[in-house]
Amino acid sequence: MTGTQEQTITCHFCFQQFDVDIEIGEDFTGHNTEVYDCVVCCNPLKLSYDVYDGEISFFTISDGNE
């Protein structure tokens, strides 16, 4: 079973805010990295986050072109 957490992020390219849904596995604990395209300008954004006890404990956004 998985859970979904909504995060509001700001694009590094066009500076627009939008929401992304992050699926978190019930038994997952650790670090994950995903790339999302901005819904406004379509540039890639790298989302890095740590999950602890079913919750996101650390969350950063960077340029997905790295």
PDB file of N, CA and C in Angstrom:
ATOM      1  N   MET A   1       0.841  -1.188   0.000  1.00  0.00           N
ATOM      2  CA  MET A   1       0.000   0.000   0.000  1.00  0.00           C
ATOM      3  C   MET A   1       0.883   1.248   0.000  1.00  0.00           C
ATOM      4  N   THR A   2       0.452   2.250  -0.708  1.00  0.00           N
ATOM      5  CA  THR A   2       1.204   3.494  -0.769  1.00  0.00           C
ATOM      6  C   THR A   2       0.336   4.654  -0.319  1.00  0.00           C
ATOM      7  N   GLY A   3       1.008   5.716   0.070  1.00  0.00           N
ATOM      8  CA  GLY A   3       0.326   6.954   0.400  1.00  0.00           C
ATOM      9  C   GLY A   3       0.822   8.039  -0.530  1.00  0.00           C
ATOM     10  N   THR A   4       0.048   9.080  -0.662  1.00  0.00           N
ATOM     11  CA  THR A   4       0.426  10.192  -1.509  1.00  0.00           C
ATOM     12  C   THR A   4       0.478  11.460  -0.677  1.00  0.00           C
ATOM     13  N   GLN A   5       1.557  12.213  -0.846  1.00  0.00           N
ATOM     14  CA  GLN A   5       1.687  13.500  -0.178  1.00  0.00           C
ATOM     15  C   GLN A   5       1.823  14.577  -1.238  1.00  0.00           C
ATOM     16  N   GLU A   6       1.069  15.645  -1.079  1.00  0.00           N
ATOM     17  CA  GLU A   6       1.125  16.762  -2.016  1.00  0.00           C
ATOM     18  C   GLU A   6       2.147  17.777  -1.525  1.00  0.00           C
ATOM     19  N   GLN A   7       3.005  18.225  -2.438  1.00  0.00           N
ATOM     20  CA  GLN A   7       4.011  19.240  -2.141  1.00  0.00           C
ATOM     21  C   GLN A   7       3.839  20.377  -3.146  1.00  0.00           C
ATOM     22  N   THR A   8       3.890  21.599  -2.679  1.00  0.00           N
ATOM     23  CA  THR A   8       3.887  22.754  -3.568  1.00  0.00           C
ATOM     24  C   THR A   8       5.336  23.133  -3.833  1.00  0.00           C
ATOM     25  N   ILE A   9       5.678  23.200  -5.118  1.00  0.00           N
ATOM     26  CA  ILE A   9       7.052  23.529  -5.482  1.00  0.00           C
ATOM     27  C   ILE A   9       7.076  24.764  -6.374  1.00  0.00           C
ATOM     28  N   THR A  10       8.240  25.408  -6.443  1.00  0.00           N
ATOM     29  CA  THR A  10       8.445  26.573  -7.304  1.00  0.00           C
ATOM     30  C   THR A  10       9.481  26.217  -8.358  1.00  0.00           C
ATOM     31  N   CYS A  11       9.148  26.457  -9.602  1.00  0.00           N
ATOM     32  CA  CYS A  11      10.041  26.151 -10.713  1.00  0.00           C
ATOM     33  C   CYS A  11      11.272  27.050 -10.664  1.00  0.00           C
ATOM     34  N   HIS A  12      12.458  26.461 -10.890  1.00  0.00           N
ATOM     35  CA  HIS A  12      13.712  27.213 -10.927  1.00  0.00           C
ATOM     36  C   HIS A  12      13.854  28.041 -12.205  1.00  0.00           C
ATOM     37  N   PHE A  13      13.039  27.745 -13.197  1.00  0.00           N
ATOM     38  CA  PHE A  13      13.159  28.417 -14.489  1.00  0.00           C
ATOM     39  C   PHE A  13      12.159  29.560 -14.654  1.00  0.00           C
ATOM     40  N   CYS A  14      10.871  29.284 -14.404  1.00  0.00           N
ATOM     41  CA  CYS A  14       9.836  30.302 -14.630  1.00  0.00           C
ATOM     42  C   CYS A  14       9.263  30.857 -13.321  1.00  0.00           C
ATOM     43  N   PHE A  15       9.670  30.296 -12.191  1.00  0.00           N
ATOM     44  CA  PHE A  15       9.290  30.748 -10.854  1.00  0.00           C
ATOM     45  C   PHE A  15       7.796  30.618 -10.538  1.00  0.00           C
ATOM     46  N   GLN A  16       7.095  29.799 -11.307  1.00  0.00           N
ATOM     47  CA  GLN A  16       5.687  29.545 -11.029  1.00  0.00           C
ATOM     48  C   GLN A  16       5.567  28.412 -10.003  1.00  0.00           C
ATOM     49  N   GLN A  17       4.546  28.490  -9.170  1.00  0.00           N
ATOM     50  CA  GLN A  17       4.304  27.429  -8.190  1.00  0.00           C
ATOM     51  C   GLN A  17       3.250  26.466  -8.724  1.00  0.00           C
ATOM     52  N   PHE A  18       3.440  25.185  -8.402  1.00  0.00           N
ATOM     53  CA  PHE A  18       2.445  24.172  -8.734  1.00  0.00           C
ATOM     54  C   PHE A  18       2.603  23.012  -7.768  1.00  0.00           C
ATOM     55  N   ASP A  19       1.601  22.166  -7.713  1.00  0.00           N
ATOM     56  CA  ASP A  19       1.588  21.034  -6.790  1.00  0.00           C
ATOM     57  C   ASP A  19       2.012  19.757  -7.498  1.00  0.00           C
ATOM     58  N   VAL A  20       2.765  18.931  -6.786  1.00  0.00           N
ATOM     59  CA  VAL A  20       3.107  17.595  -7.261  1.00  0.00           C
ATOM     60  C   VAL A  20       2.675  16.592  -6.200  1.00  0.00           C
ATOM     61  N   ASP A  21       2.246  15.430  -6.643  1.00  0.00           N
ATOM     62  CA  ASP A  21       1.882  14.342  -5.733  1.00  0.00           C
ATOM     63  C   ASP A  21       3.039  13.372  -5.675  1.00  0.00           C
ATOM     64  N   ILE A  22       3.511  13.097  -4.475  1.00  0.00           N
ATOM     65  CA  ILE A  22       4.619  12.175  -4.280  1.00  0.00           C
ATOM     66  C   ILE A  22       4.088  10.921  -3.606  1.00  0.00           C
ATOM     67  N   GLU A  23       4.261   9.786  -4.278  1.00  0.00           N
ATOM     68  CA  GLU A  23       3.808   8.515  -3.721  1.00  0.00           C
ATOM     69  C   GLU A  23       4.889   7.954  -2.814  1.00  0.00           C
ATOM     70  N   ILE A  24       4.478   7.548  -1.627  1.00  0.00           N
ATOM     71  CA  ILE A  24       5.407   6.999  -0.645  1.00  0.00           C
ATOM     72  C   ILE A  24       4.910   5.621  -0.243  1.00  0.00           C
ATOM     73  N   GLY A  25       5.775   4.618  -0.442  1.00  0.00           N
ATOM     74  CA  GLY A  25       5.438   3.264  -0.048  1.00  0.00           C
ATOM     75  C   GLY A  25       5.339   3.137   1.464  1.00  0.00           C
ATOM     76  N   GLU A  26       4.418   2.320   1.909  1.00  0.00           N
ATOM     77  CA  GLU A  26       4.167   2.148   3.344  1.00  0.00           C
ATOM     78  C   GLU A  26       5.409   1.707   4.099  1.00  0.00           C
ATOM     79  N   ASP A  27       6.231   0.864   3.492  1.00  0.00           N
ATOM     80  CA  ASP A  27       7.411   0.329   4.160  1.00  0.00           C
ATOM     81  C   ASP A  27       8.702   1.040   3.759  1.00  0.00           C
ATOM     82  N   PHE A  28       8.606   2.084   2.935  1.00  0.00           N
ATOM     83  CA  PHE A  28       9.813   2.754   2.448  1.00  0.00           C
ATOM     84  C   PHE A  28      10.323   3.766   3.469  1.00  0.00           C
ATOM     85  N   THR A  29      11.602   3.682   3.785  1.00  0.00           N
ATOM     86  CA  THR A  29      12.303   4.685   4.578  1.00  0.00           C
ATOM     87  C   THR A  29      13.636   4.915   3.890  1.00  0.00           C
ATOM     88  N   GLY A  30      13.983   6.170   3.648  1.00  0.00           N
ATOM     89  CA  GLY A  30      15.255   6.464   3.001  1.00  0.00           C
ATOM     90  C   GLY A  30      15.166   7.666   2.100  1.00  0.00           C
ATOM     91  N   HIS A  31      16.079   7.721   1.120  1.00  0.00           N
ATOM     92  CA  HIS A  31      16.207   8.862   0.218  1.00  0.00           C
ATOM     93  C   HIS A  31      15.687   8.482  -1.163  1.00  0.00           C
ATOM     94  N   ASN A  32      15.025   9.427  -1.821  1.00  0.00           N
ATOM     95  CA  ASN A  32      14.552   9.204  -3.178  1.00  0.00           C
ATOM     96  C   ASN A  32      14.750  10.476  -3.988  1.00  0.00           C
ATOM     97  N   THR A  33      14.980  10.308  -5.286  1.00  0.00           N
ATOM     98  CA  THR A  33      15.127  11.425  -6.213  1.00  0.00           C
ATOM     99  C   THR A  33      14.228  11.166  -7.411  1.00  0.00           C
ATOM    100  N   GLU A  34      13.472  12.183  -7.804  1.00  0.00           N
ATOM    101  CA  GLU A  34      12.593  12.089  -8.964  1.00  0.00           C
ATOM    102  C   GLU A  34      12.751  13.349  -9.799  1.00  0.00           C
ATOM    103  N   VAL A  35      12.454  13.242 -11.080  1.00  0.00           N
ATOM    104  CA  VAL A  35      12.475  14.400 -11.963  1.00  0.00           C
ATOM    105  C   VAL A  35      11.048  14.646 -12.436  1.00  0.00           C
ATOM    106  N   TYR A  36      10.578  15.880 -12.241  1.00  0.00           N
ATOM    107  CA  TYR A  36       9.260  16.306 -12.692  1.00  0.00           C
ATOM    108  C   TYR A  36       9.441  17.444 -13.682  1.00  0.00           C
ATOM    109  N   ASP A  37       8.615  17.475 -14.708  1.00  0.00           N
ATOM    110  CA  ASP A  37       8.611  18.600 -15.637  1.00  0.00           C
ATOM    111  C   ASP A  37       7.663  19.661 -15.102  1.00  0.00           C
ATOM    112  N   CYS A  38       8.085  20.918 -15.185  1.00  0.00           N
ATOM    113  CA  CYS A  38       7.239  22.033 -14.775  1.00  0.00           C
ATOM    114  C   CYS A  38       5.971  22.023 -15.624  1.00  0.00           C
ATOM    115  N   VAL A  39       4.821  22.208 -14.986  1.00  0.00           N
ATOM    116  CA  VAL A  39       3.549  22.192 -15.716  1.00  0.00           C
ATOM    117  C   VAL A  39       3.341  23.476 -16.521  1.00  0.00           C
ATOM    118  N   VAL A  40       4.171  24.502 -16.273  1.00  0.00           N
ATOM    119  CA  VAL A  40       4.041  25.776 -16.977  1.00  0.00           C
ATOM    120  C   VAL A  40       5.031  25.853 -18.142  1.00  0.00           C
ATOM    121  N   CYS A  41       6.339  25.671 -17.866  1.00  0.00           N
ATOM    122  CA  CYS A  41       7.369  25.856 -18.897  1.00  0.00           C
ATOM    123  C   CYS A  41       7.996  24.548 -19.383  1.00  0.00           C
ATOM    124  N   CYS A  42       7.651  23.429 -18.772  1.00  0.00           N
ATOM    125  CA  CYS A  42       8.099  22.082 -19.172  1.00  0.00           C
ATOM    126  C   CYS A  42       9.578  21.792 -18.910  1.00  0.00           C
ATOM    127  N   ASN A  43      10.293  22.651 -18.212  1.00  0.00           N
ATOM    128  CA  ASN A  43      11.680  22.368 -17.868  1.00  0.00           C
ATOM    129  C   ASN A  43      11.740  21.351 -16.729  1.00  0.00           C
ATOM    130  N   PRO A  44      12.806  20.541 -16.689  1.00  0.00           N
ATOM    131  CA  PRO A  44      12.902  19.496 -15.665  1.00  0.00           C
ATOM    132  C   PRO A  44      13.350  20.033 -14.307  1.00  0.00           C
ATOM    133  N   LEU A  45      12.743  19.505 -13.255  1.00  0.00           N
ATOM    134  CA  LEU A  45      13.092  19.844 -11.885  1.00  0.00           C
ATOM    135  C   LEU A  45      13.398  18.562 -11.137  1.00  0.00           C
ATOM    136  N   LYS A  46      14.525  18.542 -10.426  1.00  0.00           N
ATOM    137  CA  LYS A  46      14.902  17.359  -9.653  1.00  0.00           C
ATOM    138  C   LYS A  46      14.426  17.535  -8.215  1.00  0.00           C
ATOM    139  N   LEU A  47      13.592  16.620  -7.765  1.00  0.00           N
ATOM    140  CA  LEU A  47      13.090  16.623  -6.399  1.00  0.00           C
ATOM    141  C   LEU A  47      13.833  15.556  -5.620  1.00  0.00           C
ATOM    142  N   SER A  48      14.464  15.946  -4.531  1.00  0.00           N
ATOM    143  CA  SER A  48      15.167  15.009  -3.656  1.00  0.00           C
ATOM    144  C   SER A  48      14.519  15.082  -2.290  1.00  0.00           C
ATOM    145  N   TYR A  49      14.229  13.932  -1.728  1.00  0.00           N
ATOM    146  CA  TYR A  49      13.563  13.935  -0.429  1.00  0.00           C
ATOM    147  C   TYR A  49      13.903  12.690   0.373  1.00  0.00           C
ATOM    148  N   ASP A  50      13.812  12.843   1.676  1.00  0.00           N
ATOM    149  CA  ASP A  50      13.999  11.743   2.606  1.00  0.00           C
ATOM    150  C   ASP A  50      12.652  11.400   3.226  1.00  0.00           C
ATOM    151  N   VAL A  51      12.417  10.122   3.391  1.00  0.00           N
ATOM    152  CA  VAL A  51      11.168   9.656   3.995  1.00  0.00           C
ATOM    153  C   VAL A  51      11.505   8.937   5.289  1.00  0.00           C
ATOM    154  N   TYR A  52      10.799   9.309   6.341  1.00  0.00           N
ATOM    155  CA  TYR A  52      10.959   8.661   7.634  1.00  0.00           C
ATOM    156  C   TYR A  52       9.584   8.474   8.244  1.00  0.00           C
ATOM    157  N   ASP A  53       9.283   7.262   8.622  1.00  0.00           N
ATOM    158  CA  ASP A  53       8.020   6.932   9.283  1.00  0.00           C
ATOM    159  C   ASP A  53       6.808   7.368   8.451  1.00  0.00           C
ATOM    160  N   GLY A  54       6.887   7.171   7.132  1.00  0.00           N
ATOM    161  CA  GLY A  54       5.774   7.465   6.243  1.00  0.00           C
ATOM    162  C   GLY A  54       5.564   8.929   5.922  1.00  0.00           C
ATOM    163  N   GLU A  55       6.476   9.803   6.348  1.00  0.00           N
ATOM    164  CA  GLU A  55       6.368  11.233   6.105  1.00  0.00           C
ATOM    165  C   GLU A  55       7.649  11.756   5.455  1.00  0.00           C
ATOM    166  N   ILE A  56       7.516  12.791   4.644  1.00  0.00           N
ATOM    167  CA  ILE A  56       8.687  13.433   4.053  1.00  0.00           C
ATOM    168  C   ILE A  56       9.346  14.281   5.129  1.00  0.00           C
ATOM    169  N   SER A  57      10.613  13.975   5.419  1.00  0.00           N
ATOM    170  CA  SER A  57      11.308  14.686   6.487  1.00  0.00           C
ATOM    171  C   SER A  57      12.280  15.738   5.945  1.00  0.00           C
ATOM    172  N   PHE A  58      12.676  15.629   4.681  1.00  0.00           N
ATOM    173  CA  PHE A  58      13.601  16.591   4.064  1.00  0.00           C
ATOM    174  C   PHE A  58      13.246  16.667   2.597  1.00  0.00           C
ATOM    175  N   PHE A  59      13.185  17.883   2.042  1.00  0.00           N
ATOM    176  CA  PHE A  59      12.723  18.051   0.670  1.00  0.00           C
ATOM    177  C   PHE A  59      13.488  19.201   0.007  1.00  0.00           C
ATOM    178  N   THR A  60      14.143  18.939  -1.128  1.00  0.00           N
ATOM    179  CA  THR A  60      14.823  19.995  -1.877  1.00  0.00           C
ATOM    180  C   THR A  60      14.470  19.889  -3.364  1.00  0.00           C
ATOM    181  N   ILE A  61      14.582  21.027  -4.022  1.00  0.00           N
ATOM    182  CA  ILE A  61      14.302  21.114  -5.458  1.00  0.00           C
ATOM    183  C   ILE A  61      15.531  21.728  -6.131  1.00  0.00           C
ATOM    184  N   SER A  62      15.946  21.143  -7.239  1.00  0.00           N
ATOM    185  CA  SER A  62      17.076  21.702  -7.978  1.00  0.00           C
ATOM    186  C   SER A  62      16.821  21.540  -9.470  1.00  0.00           C
ATOM    187  N   ASP A  63      17.736  22.071 -10.264  1.00  0.00           N
ATOM    188  CA  ASP A  63      17.666  21.999 -11.703  1.00  0.00           C
ATOM    189  C   ASP A  63      17.749  20.545 -12.154  1.00  0.00           C
ATOM    190  N   GLY A  64      16.794  20.097 -12.907  1.00  0.00           N
ATOM    191  CA  GLY A  64      16.783  18.718 -13.373  1.00  0.00           C
ATOM    192  C   GLY A  64      17.746  18.433 -14.499  1.00  0.00           C
ATOM    193  N   ASN A  65      18.465  19.434 -14.971  1.00  0.00           N
ATOM    194  CA  ASN A  65      19.446  19.251 -16.043  1.00  0.00           C
ATOM    195  C   ASN A  65      20.813  18.869 -15.512  1.00  0.00           C
ATOM    196  N   GLU A  66      20.953  18.728 -14.206  1.00  0.00           N
ATOM    197  CA  GLU A  66      22.251  18.420 -13.594  1.00  0.00           C
ATOM    198  C   GLU A  66      22.736  17.056 -14.004  1.00  0.00           C
TER     199      GLU A  66
END
